[in-house]
């Protein structure tokens, strides 16, 4: 444990990743706009079921309207919102990230470009979540369907810089995600995204 990690958007994928990182002792805070989900996570923890559950982990969660209470900025954040929410969510959370911090797009589609235009491409990483089924049908309950990727030789998470460098921060994020279901730092994020 070391970095203060934010997750902007505690939907299915954000909740799933954050639950596992919290479980291994990382300092994770969820920022989300669904009041019932935030409150249930605070009071009962985050429940994970399916192919990698069941377990419940206590988590830190806050509603979007409470973000002004963040007194120590995040070292880095996952942006894990729907594509159409990328721009406002990035603008919103960037004030709560250290000046030398970075942003990881943990989303479907290619949202790295609009995010990089907002925070600077030198502060942005992409992350592919490949062949993973997660669902959040009710507050504080995330379910993983299907098989665990690493059990079948599939690496789920691929983290990379836009220019293809294998950077220490990409390796750091990949190492954390490897605790969940196989990850590596990629030198070809663009190619892997569309392959």
C-alpha atoms as a PDB file:
ATOM      1  CA  UNK A   1       0.000   0.000   0.000  1.00  0.00           C
ATOM      2  CA  UNK A   2       1.239   3.452  -0.743  1.00  0.00           C
ATOM      3  CA  UNK A   3      -0.677   5.512  -3.272  1.00  0.00           C
ATOM      4  CA  UNK A   4      -3.971   7.238  -2.619  1.00  0.00           C
ATOM      5  CA  UNK A   5      -6.174   5.968  -5.467  1.00  0.00           C
ATOM      6  CA  UNK A   6      -9.472   7.456  -6.599  1.00  0.00           C
ATOM      7  CA  UNK A   7     -12.141   5.756  -8.651  1.00  0.00           C
ATOM      8  CA  UNK A   8     -14.326   8.253 -10.459  1.00  0.00           C
ATOM      9  CA  UNK A   9     -17.399   6.227 -11.316  1.00  0.00           C
ATOM     10  CA  UNK A  10     -18.364   3.259  -9.161  1.00  0.00           C
ATOM     11  CA  UNK A  11     -20.367   1.403 -11.771  1.00  0.00           C
ATOM     12  CA  UNK A  12     -19.841  -2.272 -12.473  1.00  0.00           C
ATOM     13  CA  UNK A  13     -16.202  -2.186 -13.603  1.00  0.00           C
ATOM     14  CA  UNK A  14     -15.111   0.592 -11.233  1.00  0.00           C
ATOM     15  CA  UNK A  15     -16.742  -1.158  -8.276  1.00  0.00           C
ATOM     16  CA  UNK A  16     -15.251  -4.513  -9.235  1.00  0.00           C
ATOM     17  CA  UNK A  17     -11.694  -3.196  -9.580  1.00  0.00           C
ATOM     18  CA  UNK A  18     -11.993  -1.010  -6.476  1.00  0.00           C
ATOM     19  CA  UNK A  19     -13.323  -3.881  -4.369  1.00  0.00           C
ATOM     20  CA  UNK A  20     -10.310  -6.048  -5.179  1.00  0.00           C
ATOM     21  CA  UNK A  21      -7.812  -3.239  -4.645  1.00  0.00           C
ATOM     22  CA  UNK A  22      -9.448  -2.435  -1.297  1.00  0.00           C
ATOM     23  CA  UNK A  23      -9.365  -6.123  -0.376  1.00  0.00           C
ATOM     24  CA  UNK A  24      -5.570  -6.268  -0.850  1.00  0.00           C
ATOM     25  CA  UNK A  25      -5.124  -3.177   1.322  1.00  0.00           C
ATOM     26  CA  UNK A  26      -4.840  -0.349  -1.209  1.00  0.00           C
ATOM     27  CA  UNK A  27      -6.077   3.117  -0.193  1.00  0.00           C
ATOM     28  CA  UNK A  28      -9.062   3.462  -2.540  1.00  0.00           C
ATOM     29  CA  UNK A  29     -11.859   6.039  -2.470  1.00  0.00           C
ATOM     30  CA  UNK A  30     -14.904   5.791  -4.725  1.00  0.00           C
ATOM     31  CA  UNK A  31     -16.547   8.974  -6.037  1.00  0.00           C
ATOM     32  CA  UNK A  32     -19.957   8.325  -7.576  1.00  0.00           C
ATOM     33  CA  UNK A  33     -23.296   9.987  -8.275  1.00  0.00           C
ATOM     34  CA  UNK A  34     -25.719   7.195  -7.278  1.00  0.00           C
ATOM     35  CA  UNK A  35     -26.732   8.118  -3.687  1.00  0.00           C
ATOM     36  CA  UNK A  36     -28.095   4.694  -2.691  1.00  0.00           C
ATOM     37  CA  UNK A  37     -24.991   2.933  -3.959  1.00  0.00           C
ATOM     38  CA  UNK A  38     -22.647   5.281  -2.095  1.00  0.00           C
ATOM     39  CA  UNK A  39     -24.624   4.985   1.152  1.00  0.00           C
ATOM     40  CA  UNK A  40     -24.873   1.184   0.961  1.00  0.00           C
ATOM     41  CA  UNK A  41     -21.124   0.879   0.291  1.00  0.00           C
ATOM     42  CA  UNK A  42     -20.433   3.065   3.316  1.00  0.00           C
ATOM     43  CA  UNK A  43     -22.705   1.177   5.688  1.00  0.00           C
ATOM     44  CA  UNK A  44     -22.428  -2.424   4.474  1.00  0.00           C
ATOM     45  CA  UNK A  45     -19.267  -2.532   2.375  1.00  0.00           C
ATOM     46  CA  UNK A  46     -19.011  -3.631  -1.234  1.00  0.00           C
ATOM     47  CA  UNK A  47     -20.203  -7.163  -1.994  1.00  0.00           C
ATOM     48  CA  UNK A  48     -18.665  -9.179  -4.838  1.00  0.00           C
ATOM     49  CA  UNK A  49     -20.331 -12.338  -6.161  1.00  0.00           C
ATOM     50  CA  UNK A  50     -19.877 -14.574  -9.164  1.00  0.00           C
ATOM     51  CA  UNK A  51     -16.772 -16.284 -10.452  1.00  0.00           C
ATOM     52  CA  UNK A  52     -14.466 -14.459  -8.006  1.00  0.00           C
ATOM     53  CA  UNK A  53     -16.757 -14.169  -5.002  1.00  0.00           C
ATOM     54  CA  UNK A  54     -18.437 -14.089  -2.694  1.00  0.00           C
ATOM     55  CA  UNK A  55     -16.742 -11.596  -0.444  1.00  0.00           C
ATOM     56  CA  UNK A  56     -17.514  -8.281   1.190  1.00  0.00           C
ATOM     57  CA  UNK A  57     -14.962  -5.549   1.742  1.00  0.00           C
ATOM     58  CA  UNK A  58     -15.298  -2.266   3.637  1.00  0.00           C
ATOM     59  CA  UNK A  59     -14.671   0.684   1.321  1.00  0.00           C
ATOM     60  CA  UNK A  60     -14.452   4.459   1.361  1.00  0.00           C
ATOM     61  CA  UNK A  61     -17.126   6.046  -0.801  1.00  0.00           C
ATOM     62  CA  UNK A  62     -18.433   9.539  -1.325  1.00  0.00           C
ATOM     63  CA  UNK A  63     -21.116  11.140  -3.406  1.00  0.00           C
ATOM     64  CA  UNK A  64     -20.033  13.512  -6.121  1.00  0.00           C
ATOM     65  CA  UNK A  65     -21.394  16.417  -4.081  1.00  0.00           C
ATOM     66  CA  UNK A  66     -19.066  15.536  -1.186  1.00  0.00           C
ATOM     67  CA  UNK A  67     -15.835  15.657  -3.190  1.00  0.00           C
ATOM     68  CA  UNK A  68     -15.042  19.119  -1.836  1.00  0.00           C
ATOM     69  CA  UNK A  69     -14.236  17.280   1.423  1.00  0.00           C
ATOM     70  CA  UNK A  70     -11.197  15.602  -0.171  1.00  0.00           C
ATOM     71  CA  UNK A  71      -8.373  17.154   1.826  1.00  0.00           C
ATOM     72  CA  UNK A  72      -5.456  15.083   0.518  1.00  0.00           C
ATOM     73  CA  UNK A  73      -5.352  14.800  -3.279  1.00  0.00           C
ATOM     74  CA  UNK A  74      -5.260  11.451  -5.034  1.00  0.00           C
ATOM     75  CA  UNK A  75      -1.945  10.201  -6.406  1.00  0.00           C
ATOM     76  CA  UNK A  76      -3.875   8.841  -9.371  1.00  0.00           C
ATOM     77  CA  UNK A  77      -7.420   7.982 -10.405  1.00  0.00           C
ATOM     78  CA  UNK A  78      -9.287   5.513 -12.534  1.00  0.00           C
ATOM     79  CA  UNK A  79     -11.921   7.192 -14.677  1.00  0.00           C
ATOM     80  CA  UNK A  80     -14.580   4.500 -14.960  1.00  0.00           C
ATOM     81  CA  UNK A  81     -17.707   6.194 -16.268  1.00  0.00           C
ATOM     82  CA  UNK A  82     -19.747   5.773 -19.444  1.00  0.00           C
ATOM     83  CA  UNK A  83     -18.054   7.240 -22.508  1.00  0.00           C
ATOM     84  CA  UNK A  84     -20.493  10.124 -22.753  1.00  0.00           C
ATOM     85  CA  UNK A  85     -19.554  11.163 -19.190  1.00  0.00           C
ATOM     86  CA  UNK A  86     -15.781  11.129 -19.762  1.00  0.00           C
ATOM     87  CA  UNK A  87     -15.225  14.823 -20.352  1.00  0.00           C
ATOM     88  CA  UNK A  88     -17.201  16.260 -17.452  1.00  0.00           C
ATOM     89  CA  UNK A  89     -15.992  13.518 -15.074  1.00  0.00           C
ATOM     90  CA  UNK A  90     -12.353  14.213 -15.976  1.00  0.00           C
ATOM     91  CA  UNK A  91     -12.820  17.968 -15.576  1.00  0.00           C
ATOM     92  CA  UNK A  92     -14.544  17.348 -12.248  1.00  0.00           C
ATOM     93  CA  UNK A  93     -11.996  15.011 -10.642  1.00  0.00           C
ATOM     94  CA  UNK A  94      -8.786  16.617 -11.947  1.00  0.00           C
ATOM     95  CA  UNK A  95      -8.812  19.263  -9.185  1.00  0.00           C
ATOM     96  CA  UNK A  96      -8.553  16.433  -6.622  1.00  0.00           C
ATOM     97  CA  UNK A  97      -5.462  14.790  -8.167  1.00  0.00           C
ATOM     98  CA  UNK A  98      -1.895  15.829  -7.354  1.00  0.00           C
ATOM     99  CA  UNK A  99      -0.146  18.024  -9.909  1.00  0.00           C
ATOM    100  CA  UNK A 100       2.219  15.142 -10.673  1.00  0.00           C
ATOM    101  CA  UNK A 101      -0.580  12.560 -10.490  1.00  0.00           C
ATOM    102  CA  UNK A 102      -2.095  10.677 -13.405  1.00  0.00           C
ATOM    103  CA  UNK A 103      -5.391   9.426 -14.797  1.00  0.00           C
ATOM    104  CA  UNK A 104      -6.234   5.913 -16.022  1.00  0.00           C
ATOM    105  CA  UNK A 105      -9.110   5.386 -18.455  1.00  0.00           C
ATOM    106  CA  UNK A 106     -10.804   2.173 -17.276  1.00  0.00           C
ATOM    107  CA  UNK A 107     -13.642   2.283 -19.795  1.00  0.00           C
ATOM    108  CA  UNK A 108     -15.043   0.726 -22.918  1.00  0.00           C
ATOM    109  CA  UNK A 109     -14.233   2.492 -26.185  1.00  0.00           C
ATOM    110  CA  UNK A 110     -11.399   4.909 -26.799  1.00  0.00           C
ATOM    111  CA  UNK A 111     -11.716   7.727 -24.270  1.00  0.00           C
ATOM    112  CA  UNK A 112      -7.991   8.331 -23.861  1.00  0.00           C
ATOM    113  CA  UNK A 113      -7.892  11.173 -26.389  1.00  0.00           C
ATOM    114  CA  UNK A 114     -10.570  13.408 -24.821  1.00  0.00           C
ATOM    115  CA  UNK A 115      -9.151  12.652 -21.379  1.00  0.00           C
ATOM    116  CA  UNK A 116      -5.615  13.484 -22.529  1.00  0.00           C
ATOM    117  CA  UNK A 117      -6.814  16.736 -24.056  1.00  0.00           C
ATOM    118  CA  UNK A 118      -8.192  17.742 -20.648  1.00  0.00           C
ATOM    119  CA  UNK A 119      -5.353  16.670 -18.322  1.00  0.00           C
ATOM    120  CA  UNK A 120      -2.449  16.386 -20.763  1.00  0.00           C
ATOM    121  CA  UNK A 121      -1.324  13.211 -22.505  1.00  0.00           C
ATOM    122  CA  UNK A 122       1.710  13.090 -20.223  1.00  0.00           C
ATOM    123  CA  UNK A 123      -0.698  12.470 -17.315  1.00  0.00           C
ATOM    124  CA  UNK A 124      -2.940   9.870 -18.943  1.00  0.00           C
ATOM    125  CA  UNK A 125      -2.834   6.069 -19.258  1.00  0.00           C
ATOM    126  CA  UNK A 126      -5.182   3.749 -21.083  1.00  0.00           C
ATOM    127  CA  UNK A 127      -6.436   0.469 -19.675  1.00  0.00           C
ATOM    128  CA  UNK A 128      -8.220  -2.247 -21.611  1.00  0.00           C
ATOM    129  CA  UNK A 129     -10.489  -4.644 -19.717  1.00  0.00           C
ATOM    130  CA  UNK A 130     -10.800  -7.522 -22.191  1.00  0.00           C
ATOM    131  CA  UNK A 131     -13.412 -10.284 -22.121  1.00  0.00           C
ATOM    132  CA  UNK A 132     -14.753  -9.499 -18.678  1.00  0.00           C
ATOM    133  CA  UNK A 133     -18.395  -9.530 -17.646  1.00  0.00           C
ATOM    134  CA  UNK A 134     -19.326  -7.501 -14.580  1.00  0.00           C
ATOM    135  CA  UNK A 135     -22.725  -6.170 -13.531  1.00  0.00           C
ATOM    136  CA  UNK A 136     -24.050  -3.827 -10.867  1.00  0.00           C
ATOM    137  CA  UNK A 137     -27.815  -4.349 -10.674  1.00  0.00           C
ATOM    138  CA  UNK A 138     -28.328  -3.049  -7.160  1.00  0.00           C
ATOM    139  CA  UNK A 139     -26.434  -0.831  -4.714  1.00  0.00           C
ATOM    140  CA  UNK A 140     -23.140  -2.221  -3.377  1.00  0.00           C
ATOM    141  CA  UNK A 141     -23.448  -5.589  -5.142  1.00  0.00           C
ATOM    142  CA  UNK A 142     -21.172  -6.272  -8.111  1.00  0.00           C
ATOM    143  CA  UNK A 143     -21.238  -9.620  -9.902  1.00  0.00           C
ATOM    144  CA  UNK A 144     -18.646 -11.118 -12.195  1.00  0.00           C
ATOM    145  CA  UNK A 145     -20.017 -13.515 -14.748  1.00  0.00           C
ATOM    146  CA  UNK A 146     -18.098 -15.931 -16.891  1.00  0.00           C
ATOM    147  CA  UNK A 147     -14.770 -17.551 -16.242  1.00  0.00           C
ATOM    148  CA  UNK A 148     -11.749 -15.911 -14.692  1.00  0.00           C
ATOM    149  CA  UNK A 149      -9.449 -14.964 -17.571  1.00  0.00           C
ATOM    150  CA  UNK A 150      -6.190 -16.138 -16.052  1.00  0.00           C
ATOM    151  CA  UNK A 151      -7.725 -19.601 -15.495  1.00  0.00           C
ATOM    152  CA  UNK A 152      -8.000 -19.984 -19.270  1.00  0.00           C
ATOM    153  CA  UNK A 153      -4.735 -18.251 -20.185  1.00  0.00           C
ATOM    154  CA  UNK A 154      -6.340 -14.894 -21.023  1.00  0.00           C
ATOM    155  CA  UNK A 155      -4.894 -11.652 -19.677  1.00  0.00           C
ATOM    156  CA  UNK A 156      -7.811  -9.341 -18.889  1.00  0.00           C
ATOM    157  CA  UNK A 157      -6.129  -5.999 -18.153  1.00  0.00           C
ATOM    158  CA  UNK A 158      -3.660  -4.244 -20.474  1.00  0.00           C
ATOM    159  CA  UNK A 159      -2.279  -0.878 -19.332  1.00  0.00           C
ATOM    160  CA  UNK A 160      -0.284   1.479 -21.484  1.00  0.00           C
ATOM    161  CA  UNK A 161       0.998   4.882 -22.442  1.00  0.00           C
ATOM    162  CA  UNK A 162      -0.341   6.470 -25.618  1.00  0.00           C
ATOM    163  CA  UNK A 163       3.148   6.562 -27.161  1.00  0.00           C
ATOM    164  CA  UNK A 164       3.872   2.886 -26.502  1.00  0.00           C
ATOM    165  CA  UNK A 165       6.525   3.363 -23.812  1.00  0.00           C
ATOM    166  CA  UNK A 166       6.560   0.830 -20.997  1.00  0.00           C
ATOM    167  CA  UNK A 167       6.639   3.307 -18.132  1.00  0.00           C
ATOM    168  CA  UNK A 168       7.044   2.689 -14.403  1.00  0.00           C
ATOM    169  CA  UNK A 169       3.512   3.964 -13.778  1.00  0.00           C
ATOM    170  CA  UNK A 170       2.021   1.611 -16.389  1.00  0.00           C
ATOM    171  CA  UNK A 171       3.900  -1.269 -14.776  1.00  0.00           C
ATOM    172  CA  UNK A 172       2.678  -0.172 -11.322  1.00  0.00           C
ATOM    173  CA  UNK A 173      -0.978  -0.078 -12.384  1.00  0.00           C
ATOM    174  CA  UNK A 174      -0.633  -3.397 -14.233  1.00  0.00           C
ATOM    175  CA  UNK A 175       0.941  -5.014 -11.157  1.00  0.00           C
ATOM    176  CA  UNK A 176      -2.022  -3.930  -9.031  1.00  0.00           C
ATOM    177  CA  UNK A 177      -4.562  -5.140 -11.588  1.00  0.00           C
ATOM    178  CA  UNK A 178      -2.717  -8.456 -11.866  1.00  0.00           C
ATOM    179  CA  UNK A 179      -3.962  -9.175  -8.348  1.00  0.00           C
ATOM    180  CA  UNK A 180      -7.461  -9.250  -9.812  1.00  0.00           C
ATOM    181  CA  UNK A 181      -7.225 -11.211 -13.052  1.00  0.00           C
ATOM    182  CA  UNK A 182      -4.062 -11.058 -15.092  1.00  0.00           C
ATOM    183  CA  UNK A 183      -2.534  -7.810 -16.337  1.00  0.00           C
ATOM    184  CA  UNK A 184       0.480  -6.467 -18.150  1.00  0.00           C
ATOM    185  CA  UNK A 185       1.925  -3.177 -19.358  1.00  0.00           C
ATOM    186  CA  UNK A 186       1.402  -2.946 -23.116  1.00  0.00           C
ATOM    187  CA  UNK A 187       3.579  -1.242 -25.721  1.00  0.00           C
ATOM    188  CA  UNK A 188       0.709  -1.330 -28.239  1.00  0.00           C
ATOM    189  CA  UNK A 189      -2.447  -0.135 -26.526  1.00  0.00           C
ATOM    190  CA  UNK A 190      -3.917   1.220 -29.768  1.00  0.00           C
ATOM    191  CA  UNK A 191      -3.389  -2.086 -31.563  1.00  0.00           C
ATOM    192  CA  UNK A 192      -4.723  -4.168 -28.704  1.00  0.00           C
ATOM    193  CA  UNK A 193      -7.779  -1.974 -28.315  1.00  0.00           C
ATOM    194  CA  UNK A 194      -8.859  -2.711 -31.876  1.00  0.00           C
ATOM    195  CA  UNK A 195      -7.522  -6.263 -32.311  1.00  0.00           C
END
